[in-house]
Amino acid sequence: MASKVAWRASRAAASLLRMRSTCVESRPPFRFPFSYSRGFASVVKDLKYTDSHEWVKVDGPLAVIGITDHAQDHLGDVVFVELPDVGATISKGGTLGAVESVKATSDVFSPISGEVAEVNSELNGSPGLINGSPYDGGWIAKVRMDNPADVDSLLDVDQYTTFCEKEDSSH
C-alpha cells in the first residue's frame, strides 16, 4: 500500500514538473518597452536617478518617486514599506520613507523638495510590488515640486548605469 502511494506521489510530481516546464518555455520573457537590461537590473530611459538608487519621473508639477530595480534587487524580497504622510513637506536629500526587506531596512531619500501629494497605498497590502514592478506599480510617492530645476541635478540613464557598474565592481 505504501509503495502504491509513493508511486502515485512521484507520478504526480513528475506531471507537475512537466506542466511547469511547458508553461515556462511557452511564455516569452516580459520586458518593459521603454527600458533595457544592464545584465542584472533594468533602467528606464526617461527617468532620472540618484546615487542612493531612487528614481524620479516628472509628471507635470509632480515628481513620481520610487526605488530602482537595482536597489530592490540588492534588498531582496520587500516585506514592508513606510510611506510618508500626504501633505508632508520634504527636502531634497531628506528621508521620504523606508523599505524593509528580508535582508535589511533602507531609507528612501527624496531627490527633490516639495509637498507629498499622494502615496502608493497599495504598498501597504502588497509591498512586493516594489520587487515585481519597481518603475510602475511599485512607485512610493508623488511630490509636488517646489523647484523643478532639482531634477536637472539628477543622473540620466547613462550616468546611473555607469555609477551602478562602478559601485558593483568595487564590492
C-alpha atoms as a PDB file:
ATOM      1  CA  MET A   1       0.000   0.000   0.000  1.00  0.00           C
ATOM      2  CA  ALA A   2       2.766   2.478   0.978  1.00  0.00           C
ATOM      3  CA  SER A   3       4.638   1.744  -2.250  1.00  0.00           C
ATOM      4  CA  LYS A   4       1.467   2.464  -4.262  1.00  0.00           C
ATOM      5  CA  VAL A   5       1.063   5.853  -2.528  1.00  0.00           C
ATOM      6  CA  ALA A   6       4.746   6.707  -3.101  1.00  0.00           C
ATOM      7  CA  TRP A   7       4.450   5.707  -6.767  1.00  0.00           C
ATOM      8  CA  ARG A   8       1.355   7.927  -7.228  1.00  0.00           C
ATOM      9  CA  ALA A   9       3.100  10.842  -5.490  1.00  0.00           C
ATOM     10  CA  SER A  10       6.167  10.502  -7.721  1.00  0.00           C
ATOM     11  CA  ARG A  11       3.966  10.365 -10.848  1.00  0.00           C
ATOM     12  CA  ALA A  12       2.050  13.475  -9.711  1.00  0.00           C
ATOM     13  CA  ALA A  13       5.312  15.318  -9.064  1.00  0.00           C
ATOM     14  CA  ALA A  14       6.629  14.347 -12.498  1.00  0.00           C
ATOM     15  CA  SER A  15       3.415  15.589 -14.136  1.00  0.00           C
ATOM     16  CA  LEU A  16       3.631  18.867 -12.251  1.00  0.00           C
ATOM     17  CA  LEU A  17       7.245  19.377 -13.322  1.00  0.00           C
ATOM     18  CA  ARG A  18       6.317  18.689 -16.961  1.00  0.00           C
ATOM     19  CA  MET A  19       3.458  21.196 -16.717  1.00  0.00           C
ATOM     20  CA  ARG A  20       5.677  23.857 -15.137  1.00  0.00           C
ATOM     21  CA  SER A  21       8.455  23.445 -17.684  1.00  0.00           C
ATOM     22  CA  THR A  22       5.929  23.576 -20.535  1.00  0.00           C
ATOM     23  CA  CYS A  23       4.350  26.764 -19.150  1.00  0.00           C
ATOM     24  CA  VAL A  24       7.691  28.467 -18.599  1.00  0.00           C
ATOM     25  CA  GLU A  25       9.056  27.525 -22.011  1.00  0.00           C
ATOM     26  CA  SER A  26       5.943  28.722 -23.834  1.00  0.00           C
ATOM     27  CA  ARG A  27       5.975  32.239 -22.293  1.00  0.00           C
ATOM     28  CA  PRO A  28       8.293  34.868 -23.734  1.00  0.00           C
ATOM     29  CA  PRO A  29      10.126  36.906 -21.102  1.00  0.00           C
ATOM     30  CA  PHE A  30       8.383  40.162 -20.149  1.00  0.00           C
ATOM     31  CA  ARG A  31      10.294  43.341 -20.944  1.00  0.00           C
ATOM     32  CA  PHE A  32       9.323  46.970 -20.491  1.00  0.00           C
ATOM     33  CA  PRO A  33       9.135  48.514 -23.975  1.00  0.00           C
ATOM     34  CA  PHE A  34      10.932  51.606 -22.705  1.00  0.00           C
ATOM     35  CA  SER A  35      13.724  50.036 -20.687  1.00  0.00           C
ATOM     36  CA  TYR A  36      16.806  47.988 -21.222  1.00  0.00           C
ATOM     37  CA  SER A  37      18.644  45.482 -19.125  1.00  0.00           C
ATOM     38  CA  ARG A  38      22.108  46.090 -17.727  1.00  0.00           C
ATOM     39  CA  GLY A  39      22.630  42.354 -17.276  1.00  0.00           C
ATOM     40  CA  PHE A  40      21.332  42.264 -13.713  1.00  0.00           C
ATOM     41  CA  ALA A  41      18.737  45.036 -13.443  1.00  0.00           C
ATOM     42  CA  SER A  42      16.777  47.293 -15.733  1.00  0.00           C
ATOM     43  CA  VAL A  43      16.770  51.049 -16.077  1.00  0.00           C
ATOM     44  CA  VAL A  44      14.214  53.249 -17.803  1.00  0.00           C
ATOM     45  CA  LYS A  45      15.419  55.801 -20.328  1.00  0.00           C
ATOM     46  CA  ASP A  46      13.082  58.685 -19.480  1.00  0.00           C
ATOM     47  CA  LEU A  47      13.656  58.675 -15.726  1.00  0.00           C
ATOM     48  CA  LYS A  48      16.207  60.487 -13.580  1.00  0.00           C
ATOM     49  CA  TYR A  49      18.191  58.690 -10.877  1.00  0.00           C
ATOM     50  CA  THR A  50      20.095  59.324  -7.658  1.00  0.00           C
ATOM     51  CA  ASP A  51      23.294  57.747  -6.402  1.00  0.00           C
ATOM     52  CA  SER A  52      21.227  56.375  -3.493  1.00  0.00           C
ATOM     53  CA  HIS A  53      19.123  54.392  -6.028  1.00  0.00           C
ATOM     54  CA  GLU A  54      15.878  56.355  -6.186  1.00  0.00           C
ATOM     55  CA  TRP A  55      14.223  57.230  -9.496  1.00  0.00           C
ATOM     56  CA  VAL A  56      12.111  60.228 -10.485  1.00  0.00           C
ATOM     57  CA  LYS A  57       9.550  60.605 -13.242  1.00  0.00           C
ATOM     58  CA  VAL A  58       8.352  64.149 -13.873  1.00  0.00           C
ATOM     59  CA  ASP A  59       4.605  64.287 -14.481  1.00  0.00           C
ATOM     60  CA  GLY A  60       3.699  67.961 -14.882  1.00  0.00           C
ATOM     61  CA  PRO A  61       4.125  69.673 -11.491  1.00  0.00           C
ATOM     62  CA  LEU A  62       4.538  66.293  -9.776  1.00  0.00           C
ATOM     63  CA  ALA A  63       7.564  64.064  -9.352  1.00  0.00           C
ATOM     64  CA  VAL A  64       6.781  60.354  -9.025  1.00  0.00           C
ATOM     65  CA  ILE A  65       9.442  58.721  -6.832  1.00  0.00           C
ATOM     66  CA  GLY A  66      10.421  55.094  -6.253  1.00  0.00           C
ATOM     67  CA  ILE A  67      13.459  52.887  -5.770  1.00  0.00           C
ATOM     68  CA  THR A  68      15.301  51.411  -8.713  1.00  0.00           C
ATOM     69  CA  ASP A  69      15.340  47.844  -9.932  1.00  0.00           C
ATOM     70  CA  HIS A  70      18.989  47.740  -8.874  1.00  0.00           C
ATOM     71  CA  ALA A  71      18.035  48.736  -5.314  1.00  0.00           C
ATOM     72  CA  GLN A  72      15.193  46.239  -4.969  1.00  0.00           C
ATOM     73  CA  ASP A  73      17.425  43.513  -6.393  1.00  0.00           C
ATOM     74  CA  HIS A  74      20.034  44.151  -3.696  1.00  0.00           C
ATOM     75  CA  LEU A  75      17.420  44.404  -0.946  1.00  0.00           C
ATOM     76  CA  GLY A  76      15.673  41.137  -1.767  1.00  0.00           C
ATOM     77  CA  ASP A  77      12.005  40.462  -1.022  1.00  0.00           C
ATOM     78  CA  VAL A  78      10.371  43.646   0.258  1.00  0.00           C
ATOM     79  CA  VAL A  79       8.107  42.923   3.234  1.00  0.00           C
ATOM     80  CA  PHE A  80       7.157  46.424   4.443  1.00  0.00           C
ATOM     81  CA  VAL A  81       7.166  49.999   3.112  1.00  0.00           C
ATOM     82  CA  GLU A  82       6.983  53.043   5.356  1.00  0.00           C
ATOM     83  CA  LEU A  83       5.167  55.737   3.372  1.00  0.00           C
ATOM     84  CA  PRO A  84       5.313  59.476   4.031  1.00  0.00           C
ATOM     85  CA  ASP A  85       2.219  61.397   5.121  1.00  0.00           C
ATOM     86  CA  VAL A  86       0.255  63.176   2.414  1.00  0.00           C
ATOM     87  CA  GLY A  87       0.791  66.911   2.913  1.00  0.00           C
ATOM     88  CA  ALA A  88       4.226  66.455   4.493  1.00  0.00           C
ATOM     89  CA  THR A  89       6.937  68.849   3.351  1.00  0.00           C
ATOM     90  CA  ILE A  90      10.142  67.123   2.319  1.00  0.00           C
ATOM     91  CA  SER A  91      13.573  68.476   1.494  1.00  0.00           C
ATOM     92  CA  LYS A  92      15.908  67.312  -1.228  1.00  0.00           C
ATOM     93  CA  GLY A  93      18.086  64.623   0.361  1.00  0.00           C
ATOM     94  CA  GLY A  94      15.718  64.198   3.313  1.00  0.00           C
ATOM     95  CA  THR A  95      14.066  60.931   4.268  1.00  0.00           C
ATOM     96  CA  LEU A  96      10.904  60.179   2.296  1.00  0.00           C
ATOM     97  CA  GLY A  97      10.222  56.784   3.860  1.00  0.00           C
ATOM     98  CA  ALA A  98      11.796  53.366   4.316  1.00  0.00           C
ATOM     99  CA  VAL A  99      11.773  49.968   2.650  1.00  0.00           C
ATOM    100  CA  GLU A 100      12.163  46.837   4.759  1.00  0.00           C
ATOM    101  CA  SER A 101      13.196  43.575   3.159  1.00  0.00           C
ATOM    102  CA  VAL A 102      14.147  40.128   4.368  1.00  0.00           C
ATOM    103  CA  LYS A 103      17.778  41.316   4.295  1.00  0.00           C
ATOM    104  CA  ALA A 104      17.723  44.910   5.555  1.00  0.00           C
ATOM    105  CA  THR A 105      15.853  48.146   6.105  1.00  0.00           C
ATOM    106  CA  SER A 106      16.810  51.035   3.882  1.00  0.00           C
ATOM    107  CA  ASP A 107      15.771  54.676   3.980  1.00  0.00           C
ATOM    108  CA  VAL A 108      14.304  56.196   0.839  1.00  0.00           C
ATOM    109  CA  PHE A 109      15.678  59.689   0.234  1.00  0.00           C
ATOM    110  CA  SER A 110      13.830  62.397  -1.623  1.00  0.00           C
ATOM    111  CA  PRO A 111      15.589  63.510  -4.809  1.00  0.00           C
ATOM    112  CA  ILE A 112      13.602  66.777  -4.811  1.00  0.00           C
ATOM    113  CA  SER A 113      11.998  69.249  -2.402  1.00  0.00           C
ATOM    114  CA  GLY A 114       8.258  69.697  -2.176  1.00  0.00           C
ATOM    115  CA  GLU A 115       4.989  68.543  -0.645  1.00  0.00           C
ATOM    116  CA  VAL A 116       3.801  64.941  -0.698  1.00  0.00           C
ATOM    117  CA  ALA A 117       0.663  64.990  -2.874  1.00  0.00           C
ATOM    118  CA  GLU A 118      -0.066  61.255  -2.988  1.00  0.00           C
ATOM    119  CA  VAL A 119       1.328  57.955  -1.716  1.00  0.00           C
ATOM    120  CA  ASN A 120       1.010  54.489  -3.184  1.00  0.00           C
ATOM    121  CA  SER A 121      -1.251  52.986  -0.515  1.00  0.00           C
ATOM    122  CA  GLU A 122      -1.292  49.674  -2.428  1.00  0.00           C
ATOM    123  CA  LEU A 123       2.173  49.094  -0.978  1.00  0.00           C
ATOM    124  CA  ASN A 124       0.605  48.750   2.498  1.00  0.00           C
ATOM    125  CA  GLY A 125      -1.002  45.460   1.491  1.00  0.00           C
ATOM    126  CA  SER A 126       1.396  44.462  -1.288  1.00  0.00           C
ATOM    127  CA  PRO A 127       4.929  45.694  -0.572  1.00  0.00           C
ATOM    128  CA  GLY A 128       6.231  43.139  -3.093  1.00  0.00           C
ATOM    129  CA  LEU A 129       5.035  45.453  -5.875  1.00  0.00           C
ATOM    130  CA  ILE A 130       8.407  47.133  -5.458  1.00  0.00           C
ATOM    131  CA  ASN A 131      10.116  43.861  -6.384  1.00  0.00           C
ATOM    132  CA  GLY A 132       7.798  42.960  -9.227  1.00  0.00           C
ATOM    133  CA  SER A 133       7.311  46.390 -10.752  1.00  0.00           C
ATOM    134  CA  PRO A 134       9.708  48.982  -9.324  1.00  0.00           C
ATOM    135  CA  TYR A 135       9.074  51.503 -12.120  1.00  0.00           C
ATOM    136  CA  ASP A 136       5.320  51.082 -12.443  1.00  0.00           C
ATOM    137  CA  GLY A 137       3.187  49.600  -9.656  1.00  0.00           C
ATOM    138  CA  GLY A 138       5.972  49.981  -7.080  1.00  0.00           C
ATOM    139  CA  TRP A 139       6.197  53.778  -7.008  1.00  0.00           C
ATOM    140  CA  ILE A 140       6.281  55.212  -3.485  1.00  0.00           C
ATOM    141  CA  ALA A 141       5.115  58.835  -3.562  1.00  0.00           C
ATOM    142  CA  LYS A 142       4.135  61.719  -5.785  1.00  0.00           C
ATOM    143  CA  VAL A 143       5.597  65.028  -4.696  1.00  0.00           C
ATOM    144  CA  ARG A 144       4.511  68.499  -5.837  1.00  0.00           C
ATOM    145  CA  MET A 145       7.890  70.018  -6.677  1.00  0.00           C
ATOM    146  CA  ASP A 146       8.994  73.298  -5.072  1.00  0.00           C
ATOM    147  CA  ASN A 147      11.757  73.683  -7.627  1.00  0.00           C
ATOM    148  CA  PRO A 148      11.500  71.682 -10.884  1.00  0.00           C
ATOM    149  CA  ALA A 149      15.165  72.502 -11.536  1.00  0.00           C
ATOM    150  CA  ASP A 150      16.039  69.990  -8.760  1.00  0.00           C
ATOM    151  CA  VAL A 151      15.560  67.297 -11.396  1.00  0.00           C
ATOM    152  CA  ASP A 152      18.333  68.748 -13.570  1.00  0.00           C
ATOM    153  CA  SER A 153      20.981  67.784 -11.000  1.00  0.00           C
ATOM    154  CA  LEU A 154      19.984  64.088 -11.057  1.00  0.00           C
ATOM    155  CA  LEU A 155      21.654  61.330 -13.057  1.00  0.00           C
ATOM    156  CA  ASP A 156      20.407  60.369 -16.502  1.00  0.00           C
ATOM    157  CA  VAL A 157      20.162  56.724 -17.564  1.00  0.00           C
ATOM    158  CA  ASP A 158      23.748  56.512 -18.871  1.00  0.00           C
ATOM    159  CA  GLN A 159      25.244  58.189 -15.805  1.00  0.00           C
ATOM    160  CA  TYR A 160      23.244  55.936 -13.480  1.00  0.00           C
ATOM    161  CA  THR A 161      24.239  52.808 -15.396  1.00  0.00           C
ATOM    162  CA  THR A 162      27.919  53.751 -15.179  1.00  0.00           C
ATOM    163  CA  PHE A 163      27.529  54.550 -11.473  1.00  0.00           C
ATOM    164  CA  CYS A 164      25.965  51.122 -10.768  1.00  0.00           C
ATOM    165  CA  GLU A 165      28.627  49.278 -12.738  1.00  0.00           C
ATOM    166  CA  LYS A 166      31.420  51.032 -10.820  1.00  0.00           C
ATOM    167  CA  GLU A 167      29.656  50.502  -7.490  1.00  0.00           C
ATOM    168  CA  ASP A 168      29.121  46.787  -8.145  1.00  0.00           C
ATOM    169  CA  SER A 169      32.671  46.215  -9.346  1.00  0.00           C
ATOM    170  CA  SER A 170      34.029  47.672  -6.101  1.00  0.00           C
ATOM    171  CA  HIS A 171      32.122  45.143  -3.946  1.00  0.00           C
END
